[in-house]
Amino acid sequence: MGGDGVLEVAGGFAALLRAECFDRIVELFAPPLRAAVSTEALRLTWAAEAAGHGGIQAVHEPEIEAGGTDPVRVRIAITCVDGSFTVVTSVGGDGLLHGLRLDPYGGAVWHPPHYAQEDRFAEREVLLGTGPRAVPGTLTLPAGDGPWPAAVLLAGGGPFDRDESSGPNKPLKDLAWGLASRQVAVLRFDKPTFAHPGRLPADFTMADEYLPPALAAVQLLRQQPEVDPDRIHLLGHSMGGKAAPRIAAADPSIAGLVLLAADAQPMHRAAVRVARYLADLTPGPSAHQAVAALARQAELVAGPALAPNTAPELLPLGFSAAYWLDLRAYDPVATAAALPCPMLILQGGRDYQVTVADDLELWQRALAHRPEVAIRIHQDANHLFLPGSGHPTPAEYARPGHVAPAVVDEIATWLTRH
């Protein structure tokens, strides 16, 4: 398909975005994309992004990216009351859309935080696991002989790379470099959903997503002469924090857990709560229709009708029935309470995704009485533990920042002490 044909297809897509005709947009999707992204999922994503930027002002005409790719990549700029974002799609020779993502970050580049002292550590690439689900990672070792305490970093929910890249921000890279500068060895890895997109089985679960690479990472660290094999910890952020107790239960040699904004509320409930929060930022019929649709999907997840063969388009967030069944059967707080190891649990006071009232209180109720468990709230930190002020919105994730130095210091001190 020539450039004029691509622009004609993309222009029609842009017009439907302006009119918020999501059911007609899905008709433009190639079959694999249509299977992955439902009308309601698209409506919810659009409403959340619009709400986070104060509302849509203009959907601009599409532009073809340079490079001559096939399918042809197209960008559509979206101007909002508070900033902007870009819709990126690909138009194939069949005249259908073969990819779709939102880019809210404008190409900002990550720079190291001031607490990362690059002369104090070295990095090398590693491969975790074997076979088609092996994932690449980075081992960051402090200078010197050690043996050092170590941490395996676990990214949050979604197809994250080893740095947990969120636009211009890389919170796990901040932590890796900050901790290694403080004489803690760190291993971080690309999640299977990032490393192998489109090649994972339909019944892939959270256990499949986290346990094999994390356990392989612990084993690899144990083999390093610079690492103290009795002081290997897990450091999980968001869903990575939720998964950490499950991993530690599978490997009793793990010395302790650091949980950052670890969600404890069932995720189907949390998804509806967060969607309502975002919809309230910019009230309107589209946002509240999306919340209502998500609430109906969450009811299915919570009820007895959820079965392994439930169609993905009926379920929240694009996760399969197998994924939801696995999540529903797992209680992270009860699992953590059964572990004998020490824990450091940190929460951001400005986090609207994982909150003090909905999540941290569950951890506190189960663990606060244990002397080897420390629980702290960093009042000015958001979900990524970037410091800020005012009413939190998704727009602040588009601004470059770093994990707060006080958070890095507290984790490094705790890991060194334990």
Protein backbone atom coordinates (compact mmCIF):
# COMPACT_ATOMS: atom_id res chain seq x y z
CA MET A 1 0.00 0.00 0.00
CA GLY A 2 1.35 3.43 -0.99
CA GLY A 3 1.72 6.44 1.25
CA ASP A 4 -1.59 7.95 0.12
CA GLY A 5 -3.44 4.75 0.96
CA VAL A 6 -1.78 4.54 4.37
CA LEU A 7 -2.73 8.14 5.15
CA GLU A 8 -6.29 7.51 4.01
CA VAL A 9 -6.64 4.56 6.42
CA ALA A 10 -4.92 6.43 9.23
CA GLY A 11 -7.00 9.54 8.56
CA GLY A 12 -10.17 7.50 8.92
CA PHE A 13 -8.84 6.12 12.19
CA ALA A 14 -8.09 9.65 13.44
CA ALA A 15 -11.62 10.79 12.52
CA LEU A 16 -13.11 7.91 14.50
CA LEU A 17 -10.91 8.81 17.47
CA ARG A 18 -12.26 12.39 17.36
CA ALA A 19 -15.80 11.02 17.40
CA GLU A 20 -14.88 8.38 20.02
CA CYS A 21 -16.49 5.68 17.85
CA PHE A 22 -14.60 2.83 19.46
CA ASP A 23 -16.77 0.05 18.10
CA ARG A 24 -16.02 1.20 14.54
CA ILE A 25 -12.31 1.60 15.34
CA VAL A 26 -12.09 -2.05 16.37
CA GLU A 27 -13.45 -2.98 12.94
CA LEU A 28 -10.24 -1.48 11.46
CA PHE A 29 -8.05 -3.88 13.47
CA ALA A 30 -6.32 -6.88 11.92
CA PRO A 31 -7.56 -10.13 13.52
CA PRO A 32 -4.69 -10.55 16.06
CA LEU A 33 -5.12 -6.99 17.30
CA ARG A 34 -8.90 -7.35 17.45
CA ALA A 35 -8.48 -10.48 19.58
CA ALA A 36 -6.19 -8.62 22.00
CA VAL A 37 -8.00 -5.26 22.27
CA SER A 38 -11.75 -5.12 22.77
CA THR A 39 -14.01 -2.10 22.26
CA GLU A 40 -14.35 -1.60 26.02
CA ALA A 41 -10.62 -1.98 26.65
CA LEU A 42 -9.96 0.68 24.01
CA ARG A 43 -12.65 2.96 25.45
CA LEU A 44 -11.20 2.64 28.95
CA THR A 45 -7.61 3.27 27.86
CA TRP A 46 -8.64 6.35 25.88
CA ALA A 47 -10.74 7.71 28.74
CA ALA A 48 -7.94 7.16 31.27
CA GLU A 49 -5.34 8.91 29.11
CA ALA A 50 -7.71 11.79 28.39
CA ALA A 51 -8.56 12.16 32.07
CA GLY A 52 -4.93 12.13 33.08
CA HIS A 53 -4.23 15.04 30.73
CA GLY A 54 -7.24 17.17 31.64
CA GLY A 55 -9.32 16.28 28.57
CA ILE A 56 -8.77 16.09 24.79
CA GLN A 57 -8.57 19.33 22.82
CA ALA A 58 -7.56 18.14 19.35
CA VAL A 59 -6.78 14.96 17.40
CA HIS A 60 -4.34 15.95 14.66
CA GLU A 61 -3.85 14.49 11.22
CA PRO A 62 -1.63 11.38 11.02
CA GLU A 63 2.02 11.45 9.98
CA ILE A 64 4.01 8.54 8.55
CA GLU A 65 7.21 7.69 10.42
CA ALA A 66 10.41 7.66 8.38
CA GLY A 67 12.11 4.32 7.77
CA GLY A 68 9.96 2.45 5.25
CA THR A 69 8.73 -0.25 7.62
CA ASP A 70 6.11 -2.81 6.64
CA PRO A 71 3.52 -2.44 8.05
CA VAL A 72 3.91 1.34 7.91
CA ARG A 73 4.08 3.04 11.30
CA VAL A 74 1.92 6.14 11.75
CA ARG A 75 1.79 8.70 14.56
CA ILE A 76 -1.25 10.79 15.50
CA ALA A 77 -0.59 13.69 17.88
CA ILE A 78 -3.24 14.39 20.53
CA THR A 79 -3.34 17.84 22.17
CA CYS A 80 -4.83 18.01 25.67
CA VAL A 81 -5.63 20.65 28.26
CA ASP A 82 -2.61 19.50 30.29
CA GLY A 83 0.07 18.38 27.84
CA SER A 84 -0.20 15.94 24.97
CA PHE A 85 0.35 12.36 23.92
CA THR A 86 0.68 10.39 20.67
CA VAL A 87 -1.23 7.45 19.26
CA VAL A 88 1.11 5.10 17.39
CA THR A 89 -0.31 2.52 14.98
CA SER A 90 0.82 0.45 12.00
CA VAL A 91 -1.06 0.16 8.70
CA GLY A 92 -0.54 -3.05 6.74
CA GLY A 93 -0.85 -3.75 3.06
CA ASP A 94 -4.31 -5.16 3.78
CA GLY A 95 -5.50 -1.70 4.86
CA LEU A 96 -5.92 -2.80 8.48
CA LEU A 97 -4.29 -1.62 11.71
CA HIS A 98 -1.71 -4.11 12.99
CA GLY A 99 -0.54 -2.39 16.15
CA LEU A 100 -1.70 0.23 18.60
CA ARG A 101 -0.13 1.96 21.57
CA LEU A 102 -0.24 5.31 23.34
CA ASP A 103 3.02 7.22 23.74
CA PRO A 104 2.53 9.89 26.40
CA TYR A 105 6.17 10.79 26.81
CA GLY A 106 7.38 12.81 23.85
CA GLY A 107 10.74 11.07 23.49
CA ALA A 108 12.35 12.39 26.71
CA VAL A 109 15.65 10.64 27.54
CA TRP A 110 16.63 9.06 30.86
CA HIS A 111 19.70 10.45 32.63
CA PRO A 112 21.36 8.84 35.66
CA PRO A 113 20.31 10.08 39.09
CA HIS A 114 22.88 12.01 41.11
CA TYR A 115 23.16 9.16 43.62
CA ALA A 116 24.36 6.72 40.92
CA GLN A 117 28.18 6.70 40.96
CA GLU A 118 29.16 4.77 37.86
CA ASP A 119 32.77 4.23 38.96
CA ARG A 120 31.48 2.14 41.89
CA PHE A 121 29.93 -0.71 39.88
CA ALA A 122 30.07 -2.66 36.63
CA GLU A 123 27.31 -4.34 34.59
CA ARG A 124 27.11 -7.37 32.36
CA GLU A 125 24.38 -9.08 30.39
CA VAL A 126 22.96 -12.42 31.54
CA LEU A 127 20.35 -14.90 30.31
CA LEU A 128 17.88 -16.37 32.79
CA GLY A 129 16.38 -19.76 32.09
CA THR A 130 16.61 -21.96 29.02
CA GLY A 131 14.49 -22.59 25.98
CA PRO A 132 11.99 -20.28 24.31
CA ARG A 133 10.96 -18.49 27.53
CA ALA A 134 14.48 -17.53 28.65
CA VAL A 135 14.77 -13.79 29.29
CA PRO A 136 17.75 -11.41 29.15
CA GLY A 137 18.81 -9.40 32.15
CA THR A 138 21.53 -7.22 33.62
CA LEU A 139 23.76 -8.08 36.57
CA THR A 140 25.08 -5.01 38.38
CA LEU A 141 28.02 -5.73 40.69
CA PRO A 142 29.69 -3.27 43.08
CA ALA A 143 33.41 -2.72 42.63
CA GLY A 144 35.53 -4.87 44.90
CA ASP A 145 35.55 -8.47 46.02
CA GLY A 146 32.51 -8.55 48.29
CA PRO A 147 30.75 -10.73 49.13
CA TRP A 148 27.87 -8.25 48.84
CA PRO A 149 24.20 -8.50 49.72
CA ALA A 150 22.05 -8.79 46.59
CA ALA A 151 18.56 -8.05 45.30
CA VAL A 152 16.54 -9.42 42.40
CA LEU A 153 14.30 -6.65 41.05
CA LEU A 154 10.73 -7.51 40.01
CA ALA A 155 8.87 -5.07 37.76
CA GLY A 156 5.17 -4.25 38.03
CA GLY A 157 2.20 -5.48 36.02
CA GLY A 158 2.42 -5.31 32.25
CA PRO A 159 5.10 -6.07 29.63
CA PHE A 160 7.95 -4.17 31.31
CA ASP A 161 11.61 -4.26 30.37
CA ARG A 162 14.31 -4.78 33.01
CA ASP A 163 14.38 -1.03 33.82
CA GLU A 164 10.59 -0.83 34.23
CA SER A 165 10.72 1.94 31.61
CA SER A 166 7.79 4.33 31.94
CA GLY A 167 8.41 6.98 29.31
CA PRO A 168 11.40 9.04 30.44
CA ASN A 169 11.56 7.25 33.79
CA LYS A 170 13.34 4.00 34.63
CA PRO A 171 12.68 3.32 38.31
CA LEU A 172 14.31 -0.10 38.40
CA LYS A 173 17.45 1.25 36.71
CA ASP A 174 17.49 4.06 39.28
CA LEU A 175 17.35 1.44 42.02
CA ALA A 176 19.93 -0.85 40.42
CA TRP A 177 22.49 1.91 39.97
CA GLY A 178 21.69 3.55 43.30
CA LEU A 179 21.95 0.30 45.26
CA ALA A 180 25.09 -0.85 43.44
CA SER A 181 26.68 2.50 44.31
CA ARG A 182 25.96 1.54 47.94
CA GLN A 183 27.58 -1.93 47.66
CA VAL A 184 24.49 -4.02 46.90
CA ALA A 185 24.57 -6.42 43.93
CA VAL A 186 21.46 -6.23 41.74
CA LEU A 187 19.96 -8.42 39.03
CA ARG A 188 17.07 -7.16 36.92
CA PHE A 189 15.46 -8.77 33.86
CA ASP A 190 13.01 -8.25 31.02
CA LYS A 191 9.65 -9.81 31.84
CA PRO A 192 8.57 -12.66 29.54
CA THR A 193 5.66 -10.52 28.32
CA PHE A 194 8.21 -7.94 27.13
CA ALA A 195 10.85 -10.36 25.84
CA HIS A 196 8.41 -12.67 23.99
CA PRO A 197 5.38 -10.61 22.89
CA GLY A 198 2.79 -12.63 21.02
CA ARG A 199 4.63 -15.92 21.66
CA LEU A 200 3.28 -16.88 25.08
CA PRO A 201 0.51 -19.47 25.49
CA ALA A 202 -3.10 -18.43 26.04
CA ASP A 203 -3.09 -19.97 29.53
CA PHE A 204 -0.07 -17.93 30.69
CA THR A 205 -0.44 -16.87 34.35
CA MET A 206 1.17 -14.55 36.89
CA ALA A 207 3.06 -17.55 38.27
CA ASP A 208 4.47 -18.23 34.78
CA GLU A 209 5.32 -14.55 34.40
CA TYR A 210 7.34 -14.14 37.60
CA LEU A 211 8.48 -17.41 39.16
CA PRO A 212 10.75 -19.00 36.51
CA PRO A 213 12.89 -15.91 35.76
CA ALA A 214 13.00 -14.78 39.39
CA LEU A 215 14.06 -18.18 40.69
CA ALA A 216 16.66 -18.43 37.93
CA ALA A 217 17.93 -14.98 38.94
CA VAL A 218 18.34 -16.07 42.57
CA GLN A 219 20.23 -19.16 41.44
CA LEU A 220 22.53 -17.12 39.17
CA LEU A 221 23.32 -14.67 42.00
CA ARG A 222 24.11 -17.57 44.30
CA GLN A 223 26.80 -18.68 41.83
CA GLN A 224 28.62 -15.32 41.83
CA PRO A 225 31.71 -15.21 44.09
CA GLU A 226 31.08 -11.49 44.73
CA VAL A 227 27.61 -12.21 46.20
CA ASP A 228 26.88 -13.44 49.71
CA PRO A 229 24.62 -16.49 49.05
CA ASP A 230 22.92 -16.04 52.44
CA ARG A 231 21.86 -12.44 51.70
CA ILE A 232 19.92 -12.64 48.43
CA HIS A 233 16.65 -10.70 48.57
CA LEU A 234 13.68 -9.97 46.34
CA LEU A 235 12.73 -6.35 45.65
CA GLY A 236 9.33 -6.12 43.97
CA HIS A 237 7.46 -3.06 42.76
CA SER A 238 3.66 -3.02 42.37
CA MET A 239 2.64 -6.42 40.97
CA GLY A 240 6.28 -7.47 41.41
CA GLY A 241 5.78 -6.82 45.12
CA LYS A 242 2.56 -8.80 45.04
CA ALA A 243 4.41 -11.73 43.44
CA ALA A 244 7.45 -11.60 45.74
CA PRO A 245 5.97 -13.62 48.64
CA ARG A 246 4.95 -16.33 46.18
CA ILE A 247 8.52 -16.54 44.87
CA ALA A 248 9.99 -16.59 48.37
CA ALA A 249 7.61 -19.41 49.34
CA ALA A 250 9.03 -21.41 46.43
CA ASP A 251 12.67 -20.79 47.50
CA PRO A 252 13.17 -20.70 51.29
CA SER A 253 16.82 -19.63 50.82
CA ILE A 254 15.66 -16.09 49.91
CA ALA A 255 16.84 -13.89 52.77
CA GLY A 256 14.15 -11.21 52.76
CA LEU A 257 11.65 -9.12 50.83
CA VAL A 258 11.47 -5.45 49.92
CA LEU A 259 7.95 -4.57 48.75
CA LEU A 260 7.43 -1.22 47.02
CA ALA A 261 3.79 -0.17 46.48
CA ALA A 262 2.83 -3.84 46.57
CA ASP A 263 -0.86 -4.25 45.80
CA ALA A 264 -2.83 -6.40 48.22
CA GLN A 265 -6.39 -5.58 47.16
CA PRO A 266 -7.73 -8.05 44.55
CA MET A 267 -6.69 -6.65 41.20
CA HIS A 268 -10.12 -6.73 39.59
CA ARG A 269 -11.39 -4.44 42.37
CA ALA A 270 -8.33 -2.21 42.21
CA ALA A 271 -8.76 -1.77 38.45
CA VAL A 272 -12.30 -0.42 38.92
CA ARG A 273 -11.18 1.87 41.77
CA VAL A 274 -8.35 3.35 39.69
CA ALA A 275 -10.61 3.74 36.66
CA ARG A 276 -13.13 5.68 38.78
CA TYR A 277 -10.34 7.90 40.10
CA LEU A 278 -9.20 8.71 36.55
CA ALA A 279 -12.74 9.25 35.28
CA ASP A 280 -13.37 11.76 38.07
CA LEU A 281 -10.40 13.83 36.89
CA THR A 282 -12.33 14.75 33.74
CA PRO A 283 -15.99 13.77 34.16
CA GLY A 284 -17.80 12.84 30.97
CA PRO A 285 -19.99 10.13 29.48
CA SER A 286 -17.18 8.27 27.72
CA ALA A 287 -15.09 7.85 30.86
CA HIS A 288 -18.00 6.69 32.96
CA GLN A 289 -19.20 4.27 30.28
CA ALA A 290 -15.73 2.74 30.36
CA VAL A 291 -15.81 2.45 34.16
CA ALA A 292 -19.23 0.78 34.04
CA ALA A 293 -17.99 -1.71 31.44
CA LEU A 294 -14.90 -2.48 33.52
CA ALA A 295 -17.06 -2.98 36.62
CA ARG A 296 -19.15 -5.55 34.74
CA GLN A 297 -16.00 -7.38 33.69
CA ALA A 298 -14.69 -7.31 37.27
CA GLU A 299 -17.94 -8.86 38.51
CA LEU A 300 -17.36 -11.76 36.15
CA VAL A 301 -13.84 -12.24 37.52
CA ALA A 302 -15.14 -12.26 41.10
CA GLY A 303 -18.08 -14.59 40.47
CA PRO A 304 -18.58 -18.31 39.98
CA ALA A 305 -19.06 -18.02 36.20
CA LEU A 306 -15.34 -17.41 35.54
CA ALA A 307 -13.99 -20.52 33.80
CA PRO A 308 -10.81 -21.43 31.88
CA ASN A 309 -12.68 -21.02 28.57
CA THR A 310 -14.16 -17.58 29.34
CA ALA A 311 -13.45 -15.32 26.34
CA PRO A 312 -10.70 -12.70 27.00
CA GLU A 313 -12.86 -9.89 25.59
CA LEU A 314 -15.27 -10.41 28.50
CA LEU A 315 -12.50 -9.89 31.09
CA PRO A 316 -10.62 -6.82 32.37
CA LEU A 317 -7.29 -5.45 31.19
CA GLY A 318 -6.77 -7.94 28.37
CA PHE A 319 -5.76 -10.76 30.75
CA SER A 320 -6.91 -14.30 30.03
CA ALA A 321 -9.25 -16.35 32.19
CA ALA A 322 -6.27 -18.48 33.26
CA TYR A 323 -4.46 -15.36 34.43
CA TRP A 324 -7.45 -14.17 36.45
CA LEU A 325 -8.09 -17.60 37.96
CA ASP A 326 -4.47 -17.78 39.09
CA LEU A 327 -4.63 -14.27 40.58
CA ARG A 328 -7.92 -14.99 42.31
CA ALA A 329 -6.47 -18.07 44.01
CA TYR A 330 -3.40 -16.22 45.36
CA ASP A 331 -3.41 -14.22 48.61
CA PRO A 332 -0.15 -12.25 48.78
CA VAL A 333 -0.67 -11.05 52.36
CA ALA A 334 -1.41 -14.51 53.76
CA THR A 335 1.54 -15.92 51.82
CA ALA A 336 3.84 -13.22 53.24
CA ALA A 337 2.53 -13.78 56.77
CA ALA A 338 3.56 -17.45 56.54
CA LEU A 339 7.16 -16.56 55.65
CA PRO A 340 9.77 -16.32 58.43
CA CYS A 341 12.04 -13.85 56.57
CA PRO A 342 12.40 -10.11 57.33
CA MET A 343 10.57 -7.60 55.14
CA LEU A 344 10.71 -3.90 54.31
CA ILE A 345 7.40 -2.55 53.00
CA LEU A 346 7.40 0.94 51.49
CA GLN A 347 4.41 2.95 50.25
CA GLY A 348 4.07 6.28 48.47
CA GLY A 349 1.67 8.72 50.08
CA ARG A 350 0.70 10.17 46.67
CA ASP A 351 0.07 6.79 45.02
CA TYR A 352 -3.47 6.51 43.59
CA GLN A 353 -2.87 3.06 42.06
CA VAL A 354 -1.76 1.24 45.21
CA THR A 355 -2.95 3.15 48.26
CA VAL A 356 -2.51 3.28 52.01
CA ALA A 357 -6.22 2.65 52.66
CA ASP A 358 -6.79 -0.10 50.10
CA ASP A 359 -3.48 -1.96 50.18
CA LEU A 360 -0.96 -0.94 52.83
CA GLU A 361 -3.48 -1.38 55.64
CA LEU A 362 -3.85 -5.04 54.64
CA TRP A 363 -0.08 -5.54 54.94
CA GLN A 364 -0.04 -3.65 58.25
CA ARG A 365 -2.86 -5.71 59.73
CA ALA A 366 -1.07 -8.97 58.99
CA LEU A 367 2.57 -8.02 59.59
CA ALA A 368 2.94 -4.86 61.71
CA HIS A 369 3.24 -6.91 64.94
CA ARG A 370 6.37 -8.69 63.69
CA PRO A 371 9.62 -7.03 64.78
CA GLU A 372 11.49 -8.17 61.66
CA VAL A 373 8.99 -6.33 59.39
CA ALA A 374 9.48 -2.58 58.81
CA ILE A 375 6.69 -0.56 57.19
CA ARG A 376 7.24 3.04 56.02
CA ILE A 377 5.24 5.65 54.10
CA HIS A 378 7.09 8.20 51.93
CA GLN A 379 4.44 10.88 51.91
CA ASP A 380 5.53 12.84 48.81
CA ALA A 381 6.18 9.77 46.60
CA ASN A 382 3.91 8.60 43.77
CA HIS A 383 3.49 5.05 42.49
CA LEU A 384 6.97 5.07 40.90
CA PHE A 385 8.42 6.54 44.13
CA LEU A 386 9.21 9.76 42.30
CA PRO A 387 8.76 12.76 44.63
CA GLY A 388 6.05 15.32 43.83
CA SER A 389 3.30 17.47 45.23
CA GLY A 390 -0.35 18.27 44.62
CA HIS A 391 -3.15 16.07 43.33
CA PRO A 392 -1.56 13.06 41.57
CA THR A 393 -2.45 12.33 37.94
CA PRO A 394 -0.96 10.10 35.19
CA ALA A 395 0.45 13.22 33.52
CA GLU A 396 3.25 13.43 36.08
CA TYR A 397 4.64 10.09 34.89
CA ALA A 398 5.51 11.86 31.63
CA ARG A 399 7.87 14.24 33.43
CA PRO A 400 11.43 12.97 33.89
CA GLY A 401 12.34 12.14 37.46
CA HIS A 402 14.10 9.61 39.66
CA VAL A 403 13.30 7.37 42.58
CA ALA A 404 13.64 9.55 45.67
CA PRO A 405 17.12 9.42 47.29
CA ALA A 406 15.54 8.73 50.69
CA VAL A 407 13.92 5.58 49.26
CA VAL A 408 17.22 4.33 47.81
CA ASP A 409 19.03 5.11 51.07
CA GLU A 410 16.44 3.29 53.18
CA ILE A 411 16.52 0.18 50.97
CA ALA A 412 20.34 0.10 50.82
CA THR A 413 20.64 0.48 54.60
CA TRP A 414 18.06 -2.26 55.21
CA LEU A 415 19.64 -4.69 52.74
CA THR A 416 23.10 -4.13 54.17
CA ARG A 417 21.87 -4.59 57.74
CA HIS A 418 20.01 -7.81 56.92
